[in-house]
Amino acid sequence: MKALSIRQPWAYLIASGQKDIENRSWRTHFRGKFYIHAGKKIDKVAYETLVECGIKLPPIEKLKIGGIIGKAEISDCVNESKSEWFVGKYGFKIKNAKPVAFKPCKGQLSFFTPKHT
């Protein structure tokens, strides 16, 4: 199964079912199940902004990084959406997201096949 690296806290929000779209600058034709890979970097400004807006997140030091944290399904790639999470240019519509036990794994750009899953 393919994986997609996503920075925290966005990876957590997708894996927990709170975020239904992943924004990218590039289009994909991929549809189907994929692993949610939490990259090694945390977007600290986004984390603080989300907490200030009342979004439920674990403490920043508890966010898992550098591995697989969930799985989900991409049902479409759109260039507009009514989702509150869409900020364009393209949005990968996410469904059936759920967390999985953390598995350390090196990330890559774009979709990739993780080792040891």
PDB file of N, CA and C in Angstrom:
ATOM      1  N   MET A   1       0.847  -1.167   0.000  1.00  0.00           N
ATOM      2  CA  MET A   1       0.000   0.000   0.000  1.00  0.00           C
ATOM      3  C   MET A   1       0.901   1.241   0.000  1.00  0.00           C
ATOM      4  N   LYS A   2       0.471   2.265  -0.684  1.00  0.00           N
ATOM      5  CA  LYS A   2       1.211   3.520  -0.758  1.00  0.00           C
ATOM      6  C   LYS A   2       1.057   4.313   0.533  1.00  0.00           C
ATOM      7  N   ALA A   3       1.926   5.281   0.718  1.00  0.00           N
ATOM      8  CA  ALA A   3       1.873   6.186   1.863  1.00  0.00           C
ATOM      9  C   ALA A   3       2.080   7.606   1.360  1.00  0.00           C
ATOM     10  N   LEU A   4       1.625   8.559   2.159  1.00  0.00           N
ATOM     11  CA  LEU A   4       1.807   9.972   1.848  1.00  0.00           C
ATOM     12  C   LEU A   4       2.293  10.667   3.111  1.00  0.00           C
ATOM     13  N   SER A   5       3.438  11.361   3.027  1.00  0.00           N
ATOM     14  CA  SER A   5       3.973  12.109   4.161  1.00  0.00           C
ATOM     15  C   SER A   5       3.213  13.413   4.334  1.00  0.00           C
ATOM     16  N   ILE A   6       2.813  13.665   5.575  1.00  0.00           N
ATOM     17  CA  ILE A   6       2.052  14.857   5.921  1.00  0.00           C
ATOM     18  C   ILE A   6       2.637  15.392   7.223  1.00  0.00           C
ATOM     19  N   ARG A   7       2.889  16.674   7.287  1.00  0.00           N
ATOM     20  CA  ARG A   7       3.424  17.267   8.522  1.00  0.00           C
ATOM     21  C   ARG A   7       2.386  17.212   9.636  1.00  0.00           C
ATOM     22  N   GLN A   8       2.901  17.121  10.848  1.00  0.00           N
ATOM     23  CA  GLN A   8       2.034  17.255  12.009  1.00  0.00           C
ATOM     24  C   GLN A   8       1.747  18.732  12.216  1.00  0.00           C
ATOM     25  N   PRO A   9       0.599  19.163  12.687  1.00  0.00           N
ATOM     26  CA  PRO A   9      -0.493  18.373  13.214  1.00  0.00           C
ATOM     27  C   PRO A   9      -1.506  17.908  12.175  1.00  0.00           C
ATOM     28  N   TRP A  10      -1.250  18.214  10.914  1.00  0.00           N
ATOM     29  CA  TRP A  10      -2.194  17.856   9.854  1.00  0.00           C
ATOM     30  C   TRP A  10      -2.370  16.340   9.744  1.00  0.00           C
ATOM     31  N   ALA A  11      -1.296  15.585   9.884  1.00  0.00           N
ATOM     32  CA  ALA A  11      -1.388  14.126   9.811  1.00  0.00           C
ATOM     33  C   ALA A  11      -2.307  13.591  10.914  1.00  0.00           C
ATOM     34  N   TYR A  12      -2.151  14.117  12.123  1.00  0.00           N
ATOM     35  CA  TYR A  12      -3.001  13.712  13.235  1.00  0.00           C
ATOM     36  C   TYR A  12      -4.468  14.020  12.930  1.00  0.00           C
ATOM     37  N   LEU A  13      -4.738  15.220  12.430  1.00  0.00           N
ATOM     38  CA  LEU A  13      -6.122  15.616  12.146  1.00  0.00           C
ATOM     39  C   LEU A  13      -6.762  14.721  11.096  1.00  0.00           C
ATOM     40  N   ILE A  14      -5.988  14.298  10.108  1.00  0.00           N
ATOM     41  CA  ILE A  14      -6.530  13.382   9.097  1.00  0.00           C
ATOM     42  C   ILE A  14      -6.756  12.002   9.708  1.00  0.00           C
ATOM     43  N   ALA A  15      -5.748  11.467  10.391  1.00  0.00           N
ATOM     44  CA  ALA A  15      -5.856  10.119  10.963  1.00  0.00           C
ATOM     45  C   ALA A  15      -6.980  10.027  11.991  1.00  0.00           C
ATOM     46  N   SER A  16      -7.261  11.115  12.681  1.00  0.00           N
ATOM     47  CA  SER A  16      -8.316  11.106  13.695  1.00  0.00           C
ATOM     48  C   SER A  16      -9.698  11.385  13.099  1.00  0.00           C
ATOM     49  N   GLY A  17      -9.763  11.601  11.792  1.00  0.00           N
ATOM     50  CA  GLY A  17     -11.044  11.819  11.128  1.00  0.00           C
ATOM     51  C   GLY A  17     -11.570  13.239  11.200  1.00  0.00           C
ATOM     52  N   GLN A  18     -10.771  14.169  11.688  1.00  0.00           N
ATOM     53  CA  GLN A  18     -11.220  15.557  11.812  1.00  0.00           C
ATOM     54  C   GLN A  18     -11.040  16.360  10.526  1.00  0.00           C
ATOM     55  N   LYS A  19     -10.057  16.001   9.723  1.00  0.00           N
ATOM     56  CA  LYS A  19      -9.731  16.749   8.501  1.00  0.00           C
ATOM     57  C   LYS A  19     -10.048  15.856   7.308  1.00  0.00           C
ATOM     58  N   ASP A  20     -10.911  16.341   6.427  1.00  0.00           N
ATOM     59  CA  ASP A  20     -11.404  15.515   5.322  1.00  0.00           C
ATOM     60  C   ASP A  20     -10.770  15.821   3.962  1.00  0.00           C
ATOM     61  N   ILE A  21      -9.744  16.634   3.975  1.00  0.00           N
ATOM     62  CA  ILE A  21      -9.094  16.977   2.712  1.00  0.00           C
ATOM     63  C   ILE A  21      -7.625  17.318   2.987  1.00  0.00           C
ATOM     64  N   GLU A  22      -6.752  16.888   2.086  1.00  0.00           N
ATOM     65  CA  GLU A  22      -5.322  17.204   2.199  1.00  0.00           C
ATOM     66  C   GLU A  22      -4.964  18.118   1.039  1.00  0.00           C
ATOM     67  N   ASN A  23      -4.457  19.301   1.362  1.00  0.00           N
ATOM     68  CA  ASN A  23      -4.125  20.303   0.353  1.00  0.00           C
ATOM     69  C   ASN A  23      -2.733  20.076  -0.211  1.00  0.00           C
ATOM     70  N   ARG A  24      -2.632  20.197  -1.518  1.00  0.00           N
ATOM     71  CA  ARG A  24      -1.354  20.039  -2.208  1.00  0.00           C
ATOM     72  C   ARG A  24      -1.284  21.024  -3.366  1.00  0.00           C
ATOM     73  N   SER A  25      -0.070  21.275  -3.838  1.00  0.00           N
ATOM     74  CA  SER A  25       0.125  22.146  -4.999  1.00  0.00           C
ATOM     75  C   SER A  25       0.088  21.345  -6.291  1.00  0.00           C
ATOM     76  N   TRP A  26      -0.045  20.025  -6.182  1.00  0.00           N
ATOM     77  CA  TRP A  26      -0.024  19.138  -7.347  1.00  0.00           C
ATOM     78  C   TRP A  26      -1.248  18.219  -7.344  1.00  0.00           C
ATOM     79  N   ARG A  27      -1.649  17.866  -8.531  1.00  0.00           N
ATOM     80  CA  ARG A  27      -2.798  16.978  -8.736  1.00  0.00           C
ATOM     81  C   ARG A  27      -2.348  15.523  -8.646  1.00  0.00           C
ATOM     82  N   THR A  28      -3.269  14.660  -8.226  1.00  0.00           N
ATOM     83  CA  THR A  28      -3.005  13.229  -8.262  1.00  0.00           C
ATOM     84  C   THR A  28      -4.153  12.495  -8.935  1.00  0.00           C
ATOM     85  N   HIS A  29      -3.822  11.395  -9.592  1.00  0.00           N
ATOM     86  CA  HIS A  29      -4.834  10.511 -10.161  1.00  0.00           C
ATOM     87  C   HIS A  29      -5.017   9.286  -9.274  1.00  0.00           C
ATOM     88  N   PHE A  30      -4.228   9.224  -8.196  1.00  0.00           N
ATOM     89  CA  PHE A  30      -4.317   8.096  -7.267  1.00  0.00           C
ATOM     90  C   PHE A  30      -5.655   8.119  -6.546  1.00  0.00           C
ATOM     91  N   ARG A  31      -6.291   6.960  -6.467  1.00  0.00           N
ATOM     92  CA  ARG A  31      -7.512   6.769  -5.690  1.00  0.00           C
ATOM     93  C   ARG A  31      -7.348   5.471  -4.915  1.00  0.00           C
ATOM     94  N   GLY A  32      -7.814   5.465  -3.710  1.00  0.00           N
ATOM     95  CA  GLY A  32      -7.763   4.241  -2.925  1.00  0.00           C
ATOM     96  C   GLY A  32      -7.119   4.437  -1.573  1.00  0.00           C
ATOM     97  N   LYS A  33      -6.839   3.311  -0.913  1.00  0.00           N
ATOM     98  CA  LYS A  33      -6.294   3.307   0.447  1.00  0.00           C
ATOM     99  C   LYS A  33      -4.821   3.687   0.448  1.00  0.00           C
ATOM    100  N   PHE A  34      -4.422   4.387   1.510  1.00  0.00           N
ATOM    101  CA  PHE A  34      -3.026   4.780   1.680  1.00  0.00           C
ATOM    102  C   PHE A  34      -2.724   4.917   3.162  1.00  0.00           C
ATOM    103  N   TYR A  35      -1.434   4.825   3.494  1.00  0.00           N
ATOM    104  CA  TYR A  35      -0.989   5.072   4.857  1.00  0.00           C
ATOM    105  C   TYR A  35      -0.738   6.559   5.056  1.00  0.00           C
ATOM    106  N   ILE A  36      -1.054   7.036   6.240  1.00  0.00           N
ATOM    107  CA  ILE A  36      -0.761   8.411   6.624  1.00  0.00           C
ATOM    108  C   ILE A  36       0.583   8.396   7.343  1.00  0.00           C
ATOM    109  N   HIS A  37       1.567   9.024   6.722  1.00  0.00           N
ATOM    110  CA  HIS A  37       2.908   9.095   7.293  1.00  0.00           C
ATOM    111  C   HIS A  37       3.108  10.476   7.896  1.00  0.00           C
ATOM    112  N   ALA A  38       3.452  10.520   9.181  1.00  0.00           N
ATOM    113  CA  ALA A  38       3.748  11.784   9.844  1.00  0.00           C
ATOM    114  C   ALA A  38       5.214  12.111   9.611  1.00  0.00           C
ATOM    115  N   GLY A  39       5.450  13.206   8.917  1.00  0.00           N
ATOM    116  CA  GLY A  39       6.820  13.623   8.645  1.00  0.00           C
ATOM    117  C   GLY A  39       7.570  13.970   9.921  1.00  0.00           C
ATOM    118  N   LYS A  40       8.854  14.241   9.794  1.00  0.00           N
ATOM    119  CA  LYS A  40       9.697  14.523  10.959  1.00  0.00           C
ATOM    120  C   LYS A  40       9.552  15.946  11.487  1.00  0.00           C
ATOM    121  N   LYS A  41       8.933  16.824  10.705  1.00  0.00           N
ATOM    122  CA  LYS A  41       8.788  18.215  11.131  1.00  0.00           C
ATOM    123  C   LYS A  41       7.358  18.497  11.576  1.00  0.00           C
ATOM    124  N   ILE A  42       7.249  19.325  12.597  1.00  0.00           N
ATOM    125  CA  ILE A  42       5.948  19.769  13.093  1.00  0.00           C
ATOM    126  C   ILE A  42       5.763  21.229  12.697  1.00  0.00           C
ATOM    127  N   ASP A  43       4.606  21.531  12.134  1.00  0.00           N
ATOM    128  CA  ASP A  43       4.256  22.911  11.796  1.00  0.00           C
ATOM    129  C   ASP A  43       3.759  23.574  13.088  1.00  0.00           C
ATOM    130  N   LYS A  44       4.695  24.167  13.837  1.00  0.00           N
ATOM    131  CA  LYS A  44       4.379  24.711  15.160  1.00  0.00           C
ATOM    132  C   LYS A  44       3.437  25.903  15.095  1.00  0.00           C
ATOM    133  N   VAL A  45       3.573  26.726  14.078  1.00  0.00           N
ATOM    134  CA  VAL A  45       2.673  27.886  13.925  1.00  0.00           C
ATOM    135  C   VAL A  45       1.252  27.389  13.691  1.00  0.00           C
ATOM    136  N   ALA A  46       1.093  26.409  12.817  1.00  0.00           N
ATOM    137  CA  ALA A  46      -0.236  25.852  12.558  1.00  0.00           C
ATOM    138  C   ALA A  46      -0.804  25.218  13.825  1.00  0.00           C
ATOM    139  N   TYR A  47       0.036  24.494  14.560  1.00  0.00           N
ATOM    140  CA  TYR A  47      -0.411  23.857  15.801  1.00  0.00           C
ATOM    141  C   TYR A  47      -0.988  24.909  16.749  1.00  0.00           C
ATOM    142  N   GLU A  48      -0.244  25.983  16.985  1.00  0.00           N
ATOM    143  CA  GLU A  48      -0.690  27.030  17.898  1.00  0.00           C
ATOM    144  C   GLU A  48      -1.982  27.684  17.414  1.00  0.00           C
ATOM    145  N   THR A  49      -2.071  27.933  16.109  1.00  0.00           N
ATOM    146  CA  THR A  49      -3.266  28.543  15.540  1.00  0.00           C
ATOM    147  C   THR A  49      -4.475  27.626  15.701  1.00  0.00           C
ATOM    148  N   LEU A  50      -4.299  26.338  15.432  1.00  0.00           N
ATOM    149  CA  LEU A  50      -5.398  25.386  15.560  1.00  0.00           C
ATOM    150  C   LEU A  50      -5.891  25.296  16.998  1.00  0.00           C
ATOM    151  N   VAL A  51      -4.968  25.252  17.953  1.00  0.00           N
ATOM    152  CA  VAL A  51      -5.349  25.192  19.371  1.00  0.00           C
ATOM    153  C   VAL A  51      -6.111  26.461  19.763  1.00  0.00           C
ATOM    154  N   GLU A  52      -5.636  27.613  19.298  1.00  0.00           N
ATOM    155  CA  GLU A  52      -6.317  28.888  19.591  1.00  0.00           C
ATOM    156  C   GLU A  52      -7.729  28.907  19.016  1.00  0.00           C
ATOM    157  N   CYS A  53      -7.938  28.184  17.914  1.00  0.00           N
ATOM    158  CA  CYS A  53      -9.259  28.125  17.270  1.00  0.00           C
ATOM    159  C   CYS A  53     -10.159  27.058  17.891  1.00  0.00           C
ATOM    160  N   GLY A  54      -9.657  26.368  18.911  1.00  0.00           N
ATOM    161  CA  GLY A  54     -10.474  25.371  19.593  1.00  0.00           C
ATOM    162  C   GLY A  54     -10.414  23.963  19.025  1.00  0.00           C
ATOM    163  N   ILE A  55      -9.488  23.707  18.119  1.00  0.00           N
ATOM    164  CA  ILE A  55      -9.331  22.364  17.552  1.00  0.00           C
ATOM    165  C   ILE A  55      -8.655  21.482  18.596  1.00  0.00           C
ATOM    166  N   LYS A  56      -9.223  20.304  18.818  1.00  0.00           N
ATOM    167  CA  LYS A  56      -8.684  19.368  19.818  1.00  0.00           C
ATOM    168  C   LYS A  56      -7.455  18.660  19.262  1.00  0.00           C
ATOM    169  N   LEU A  57      -6.326  18.873  19.921  1.00  0.00           N
ATOM    170  CA  LEU A  57      -5.061  18.236  19.560  1.00  0.00           C
ATOM    171  C   LEU A  57      -4.371  17.754  20.827  1.00  0.00           C
ATOM    172  N   PRO A  58      -3.587  16.685  20.721  1.00  0.00           N
ATOM    173  CA  PRO A  58      -2.791  16.288  21.880  1.00  0.00           C
ATOM    174  C   PRO A  58      -1.681  17.317  22.110  1.00  0.00           C
ATOM    175  N   PRO A  59      -1.055  17.283  23.291  1.00  0.00           N
ATOM    176  CA  PRO A  59       0.090  18.177  23.499  1.00  0.00           C
ATOM    177  C   PRO A  59       1.117  17.967  22.386  1.00  0.00           C
ATOM    178  N   ILE A  60       1.755  19.040  21.971  1.00  0.00           N
ATOM    179  CA  ILE A  60       2.654  18.992  20.818  1.00  0.00           C
ATOM    180  C   ILE A  60       3.747  17.923  20.970  1.00  0.00           C
ATOM    181  N   GLU A  61       4.237  17.730  22.193  1.00  0.00           N
ATOM    182  CA  GLU A  61       5.297  16.737  22.409  1.00  0.00           C
ATOM    183  C   GLU A  61       4.782  15.295  22.301  1.00  0.00           C
ATOM    184  N   LYS A  62       3.473  15.111  22.263  1.00  0.00           N
ATOM    185  CA  LYS A  62       2.893  13.761  22.139  1.00  0.00           C
ATOM    186  C   LYS A  62       2.597  13.386  20.685  1.00  0.00           C
ATOM    187  N   LEU A  63       2.696  14.352  19.761  1.00  0.00           N
ATOM    188  CA  LEU A  63       2.458  14.048  18.346  1.00  0.00           C
ATOM    189  C   LEU A  63       3.564  13.128  17.832  1.00  0.00           C
ATOM    190  N   LYS A  64       3.173  12.019  17.237  1.00  0.00           N
ATOM    191  CA  LYS A  64       4.137  11.078  16.670  1.00  0.00           C
ATOM    192  C   LYS A  64       4.698  11.649  15.379  1.00  0.00           C
ATOM    193  N   ILE A  65       5.992  11.497  15.178  1.00  0.00           N
ATOM    194  CA  ILE A  65       6.631  11.960  13.944  1.00  0.00           C
ATOM    195  C   ILE A  65       7.553  10.867  13.415  1.00  0.00           C
ATOM    196  N   GLY A  66       7.802  10.918  12.108  1.00  0.00           N
ATOM    197  CA  GLY A  66       8.739   9.984  11.492  1.00  0.00           C
ATOM    198  C   GLY A  66       8.209   8.572  11.351  1.00  0.00           C
ATOM    199  N   GLY A  67       6.907   8.442  11.036  1.00  0.00           N
ATOM    200  CA  GLY A  67       6.377   7.101  10.852  1.00  0.00           C
ATOM    201  C   GLY A  67       4.909   7.084  10.463  1.00  0.00           C
ATOM    202  N   ILE A  68       4.415   5.872  10.248  1.00  0.00           N
ATOM    203  CA  ILE A  68       3.018   5.648   9.882  1.00  0.00           C
ATOM    204  C   ILE A  68       2.159   5.816  11.130  1.00  0.00           C
ATOM    205  N   ILE A  69       1.102   6.652  11.037  1.00  0.00           N
ATOM    206  CA  ILE A  69       0.208   6.862  12.176  1.00  0.00           C
ATOM    207  C   ILE A  69      -1.245   6.522  11.860  1.00  0.00           C
ATOM    208  N   GLY A  70      -1.558   6.285  10.587  1.00  0.00           N
ATOM    209  CA  GLY A  70      -2.949   6.018  10.239  1.00  0.00           C
ATOM    210  C   GLY A  70      -3.087   5.498   8.837  1.00  0.00           C
ATOM    211  N   LYS A  71      -4.325   5.224   8.474  1.00  0.00           N
ATOM    212  CA  LYS A  71      -4.633   4.877   7.091  1.00  0.00           C
ATOM    213  C   LYS A  71      -5.972   5.494   6.723  1.00  0.00           C
ATOM    214  N   ALA A  72      -6.152   5.707   5.447  1.00  0.00           N
ATOM    215  CA  ALA A  72      -7.356   6.363   4.949  1.00  0.00           C
ATOM    216  C   ALA A  72      -7.518   6.021   3.477  1.00  0.00           C
ATOM    217  N   GLU A  73      -8.473   6.691   2.850  1.00  0.00           N
ATOM    218  CA  GLU A  73      -8.746   6.459   1.435  1.00  0.00           C
ATOM    219  C   GLU A  73      -8.909   7.805   0.733  1.00  0.00           C
ATOM    220  N   ILE A  74      -8.303   7.932  -0.424  1.00  0.00           N
ATOM    221  CA  ILE A  74      -8.490   9.123  -1.258  1.00  0.00           C
ATOM    222  C   ILE A  74      -9.575   8.787  -2.267  1.00  0.00           C
ATOM    223  N   SER A  75     -10.643   9.595  -2.258  1.00  0.00           N
ATOM    224  CA  SER A  75     -11.766   9.334  -3.158  1.00  0.00           C
ATOM    225  C   SER A  75     -11.770  10.248  -4.377  1.00  0.00           C
ATOM    226  N   ASP A  76     -11.028  11.366  -4.301  1.00  0.00           N
ATOM    227  CA  ASP A  76     -11.033  12.298  -5.425  1.00  0.00           C
ATOM    228  C   ASP A  76      -9.932  13.335  -5.217  1.00  0.00           C
ATOM    229  N   CYS A  77      -9.610  14.033  -6.288  1.00  0.00           N
ATOM    230  CA  CYS A  77      -8.701  15.175  -6.252  1.00  0.00           C
ATOM    231  C   CYS A  77      -9.452  16.338  -6.886  1.00  0.00           C
ATOM    232  N   VAL A  78      -9.629  17.422  -6.126  1.00  0.00           N
ATOM    233  CA  VAL A  78     -10.460  18.536  -6.581  1.00  0.00           C
ATOM    234  C   VAL A  78      -9.671  19.841  -6.566  1.00  0.00           C
ATOM    235  N   ASN A  79     -10.182  20.821  -7.315  1.00  0.00           N
ATOM    236  CA  ASN A  79      -9.558  22.147  -7.266  1.00  0.00           C
ATOM    237  C   ASN A  79     -10.487  23.176  -6.623  1.00  0.00           C
ATOM    238  N   GLU A  80     -11.600  22.701  -6.063  1.00  0.00           N
ATOM    239  CA  GLU A  80     -12.471  23.522  -5.234  1.00  0.00           C
ATOM    240  C   GLU A  80     -13.274  22.588  -4.333  1.00  0.00           C
ATOM    241  N   SER A  81     -13.650  23.098  -3.166  1.00  0.00           N
ATOM    242  CA  SER A  81     -14.368  22.269  -2.202  1.00  0.00           C
ATOM    243  C   SER A  81     -15.044  23.166  -1.172  1.00  0.00           C
ATOM    244  N   LYS A  82     -16.133  22.668  -0.606  1.00  0.00           N
ATOM    245  CA  LYS A  82     -16.821  23.377   0.470  1.00  0.00           C
ATOM    246  C   LYS A  82     -16.238  23.010   1.833  1.00  0.00           C
ATOM    247  N   SER A  83     -15.290  22.088   1.871  1.00  0.00           N
ATOM    248  CA  SER A  83     -14.681  21.697   3.136  1.00  0.00           C
ATOM    249  C   SER A  83     -14.001  22.900   3.777  1.00  0.00           C
ATOM    250  N   GLU A  84     -14.187  23.052   5.079  1.00  0.00           N
ATOM    251  CA  GLU A  84     -13.524  24.144   5.804  1.00  0.00           C
ATOM    252  C   GLU A  84     -12.008  24.018   5.765  1.00  0.00           C
ATOM    253  N   TRP A  85     -11.494  22.822   5.455  1.00  0.00           N
ATOM    254  CA  TRP A  85     -10.054  22.566   5.430  1.00  0.00           C
ATOM    255  C   TRP A  85      -9.416  22.865   4.078  1.00  0.00           C
ATOM    256  N   PHE A  86     -10.215  23.085   3.041  1.00  0.00           N
ATOM    257  CA  PHE A  86      -9.657  23.297   1.707  1.00  0.00           C
ATOM    258  C   PHE A  86      -9.094  24.707   1.566  1.00  0.00           C
ATOM    259  N   VAL A  87      -7.808  24.773   1.170  1.00  0.00           N
ATOM    260  CA  VAL A  87      -7.183  26.067   0.883  1.00  0.00           C
ATOM    261  C   VAL A  87      -6.513  26.060  -0.491  1.00  0.00           C
ATOM    262  N   GLY A  88      -6.786  25.007  -1.289  1.00  0.00           N
ATOM    263  CA  GLY A  88      -6.298  24.918  -2.653  1.00  0.00           C
ATOM    264  C   GLY A  88      -4.803  24.746  -2.726  1.00  0.00           C
ATOM    265  N   LYS A  89      -4.269  24.655  -3.755  1.00  0.00           N
ATOM    266  CA  LYS A  89      -4.605  24.597  -5.168  1.00  0.00           C
ATOM    267  C   LYS A  89      -5.375  23.306  -5.496  1.00  0.00           C
ATOM    268  N   TYR A  90      -4.939  22.178  -4.952  1.00  0.00           N
ATOM    269  CA  TYR A  90      -5.656  20.916  -5.114  1.00  0.00           C
ATOM    270  C   TYR A  90      -5.940  20.317  -3.743  1.00  0.00           C
ATOM    271  N   GLY A  91      -7.024  19.576  -3.668  1.00  0.00           N
ATOM    272  CA  GLY A  91      -7.383  18.905  -2.428  1.00  0.00           C
ATOM    273  C   GLY A  91      -7.638  17.430  -2.685  1.00  0.00           C
ATOM    274  N   PHE A  92      -6.989  16.590  -1.906  1.00  0.00           N
ATOM    275  CA  PHE A  92      -7.229  15.141  -1.967  1.00  0.00           C
ATOM    276  C   PHE A  92      -8.343  14.860  -0.971  1.00  0.00           C
ATOM    277  N   LYS A  93      -9.506  14.442  -1.456  1.00  0.00           N
ATOM    278  CA  LYS A  93     -10.643  14.160  -0.591  1.00  0.00           C
ATOM    279  C   LYS A  93     -10.393  12.850   0.154  1.00  0.00           C
ATOM    280  N   ILE A  94     -10.484  12.933   1.485  1.00  0.00           N
ATOM    281  CA  ILE A  94     -10.153  11.815   2.362  1.00  0.00           C
ATOM    282  C   ILE A  94     -11.424  11.242   2.986  1.00  0.00           C
ATOM    283  N   LYS A  95     -11.486   9.911   3.044  1.00  0.00           N
ATOM    284  CA  LYS A  95     -12.582   9.256   3.761  1.00  0.00           C
ATOM    285  C   LYS A  95     -12.037   8.008   4.460  1.00  0.00           C
ATOM    286  N   ASN A  96     -12.838   7.493   5.384  1.00  0.00           N
ATOM    287  CA  ASN A  96     -12.510   6.259   6.113  1.00  0.00           C
ATOM    288  C   ASN A  96     -11.156   6.322   6.821  1.00  0.00           C
ATOM    289  N   ALA A  97     -10.822   7.470   7.364  1.00  0.00           N
ATOM    290  CA  ALA A  97      -9.540   7.628   8.065  1.00  0.00           C
ATOM    291  C   ALA A  97      -9.623   7.023   9.458  1.00  0.00           C
ATOM    292  N   LYS A  98      -8.519   6.404   9.867  1.00  0.00           N
ATOM    293  CA  LYS A  98      -8.437   5.890  11.234  1.00  0.00           C
ATOM    294  C   LYS A  98      -6.977   5.754  11.635  1.00  0.00           C
ATOM    295  N   PRO A  99      -6.720   5.914  12.929  1.00  0.00           N
ATOM    296  CA  PRO A  99      -5.345   5.759  13.416  1.00  0.00           C
ATOM    297  C   PRO A  99      -4.935   4.286  13.415  1.00  0.00           C
ATOM    298  N   VAL A 100      -3.637   4.044  13.314  1.00  0.00           N
ATOM    299  CA  VAL A 100      -3.060   2.704  13.461  1.00  0.00           C
ATOM    300  C   VAL A 100      -1.883   2.810  14.423  1.00  0.00           C
ATOM    301  N   ALA A 101      -1.439   1.666  14.915  1.00  0.00           N
ATOM    302  CA  ALA A 101      -0.273   1.659  15.803  1.00  0.00           C
ATOM    303  C   ALA A 101       0.918   2.269  15.062  1.00  0.00           C
ATOM    304  N   PHE A 102       1.658   3.108  15.757  1.00  0.00           N
ATOM    305  CA  PHE A 102       2.795   3.809  15.162  1.00  0.00           C
ATOM    306  C   PHE A 102       3.866   2.822  14.693  1.00  0.00           C
ATOM    307  N   LYS A 103       4.333   3.058  13.454  1.00  0.00           N
ATOM    308  CA  LYS A 103       5.446   2.289  12.904  1.00  0.00           C
ATOM    309  C   LYS A 103       6.474   3.266  12.365  1.00  0.00           C
ATOM    310  N   PRO A 104       7.659   3.325  12.960  1.00  0.00           N
ATOM    311  CA  PRO A 104       8.691   4.226  12.427  1.00  0.00           C
ATOM    312  C   PRO A 104       8.973   3.904  10.960  1.00  0.00           C
ATOM    313  N   CYS A 105       9.143   4.935  10.187  1.00  0.00           N
ATOM    314  CA  CYS A 105       9.318   4.746   8.746  1.00  0.00           C
ATOM    315  C   CYS A 105       9.845   6.046   8.153  1.00  0.00           C
ATOM    316  N   LYS A 106      10.805   5.946   7.271  1.00  0.00           N
ATOM    317  CA  LYS A 106      11.333   7.122   6.578  1.00  0.00           C
ATOM    318  C   LYS A 106      10.326   7.584   5.524  1.00  0.00           C
ATOM    319  N   GLY A 107      10.082   8.877   5.461  1.00  0.00           N
ATOM    320  CA  GLY A 107       9.156   9.434   4.488  1.00  0.00           C
ATOM    321  C   GLY A 107       9.842   9.799   3.179  1.00  0.00           C
ATOM    322  N   GLN A 108       9.030  10.148   2.200  1.00  0.00           N
ATOM    323  CA  GLN A 108       9.513  10.578   0.888  1.00  0.00           C
ATOM    324  C   GLN A 108       8.532  11.589   0.321  1.00  0.00           C
ATOM    325  N   LEU A 109       8.926  12.232  -0.735  1.00  0.00           N
ATOM    326  CA  LEU A 109       8.026  13.139  -1.430  1.00  0.00           C
ATOM    327  C   LEU A 109       7.026  12.334  -2.238  1.00  0.00           C
ATOM    328  N   SER A 110       5.847  12.911  -2.445  1.00  0.00           N
ATOM    329  CA  SER A 110       4.761  12.297  -3.210  1.00  0.00           C
ATOM    330  C   SER A 110       4.332  10.987  -2.549  1.00  0.00           C
ATOM    331  N   PHE A 111       3.644  10.139  -3.292  1.00  0.00           N
ATOM    332  CA  PHE A 111       3.256   8.840  -2.759  1.00  0.00           C
ATOM    333  C   PHE A 111       4.452   7.906  -2.829  1.00  0.00           C
ATOM    334  N   PHE A 112       4.609   7.047  -1.830  1.00  0.00           N
ATOM    335  CA  PHE A 112       5.727   6.132  -1.811  1.00  0.00           C
ATOM    336  C   PHE A 112       5.284   4.823  -1.163  1.00  0.00           C
ATOM    337  N   THR A 113       6.046   3.765  -1.403  1.00  0.00           N
ATOM    338  CA  THR A 113       5.771   2.484  -0.782  1.00  0.00           C
ATOM    339  C   THR A 113       6.699   2.338   0.424  1.00  0.00           C
ATOM    340  N   PRO A 114       6.116   2.369   1.631  1.00  0.00           N
ATOM    341  CA  PRO A 114       6.971   2.275   2.830  1.00  0.00           C
ATOM    342  C   PRO A 114       7.558   0.879   3.012  1.00  0.00           C
ATOM    343  N   LYS A 115       8.706   0.851   3.610  1.00  0.00           N
ATOM    344  CA  LYS A 115       9.338  -0.426   3.941  1.00  0.00           C
ATOM    345  C   LYS A 115       8.813  -0.867   5.304  1.00  0.00           C
ATOM    346  N   HIS A 116       8.738  -2.163   5.507  1.00  0.00           N
ATOM    347  CA  HIS A 116       8.381  -2.742   6.818  1.00  0.00           C
ATOM    348  C   HIS A 116       6.975  -2.376   7.275  1.00  0.00           C
ATOM    349  N   THR A 117       5.968  -2.428   6.405  1.00  0.00           N
ATOM    350  CA  THR A 117       4.590  -2.170   6.859  1.00  0.00           C
ATOM    351  C   THR A 117       3.782  -3.440   6.897  1.00  0.00           C
TER     352      THR A 117
END
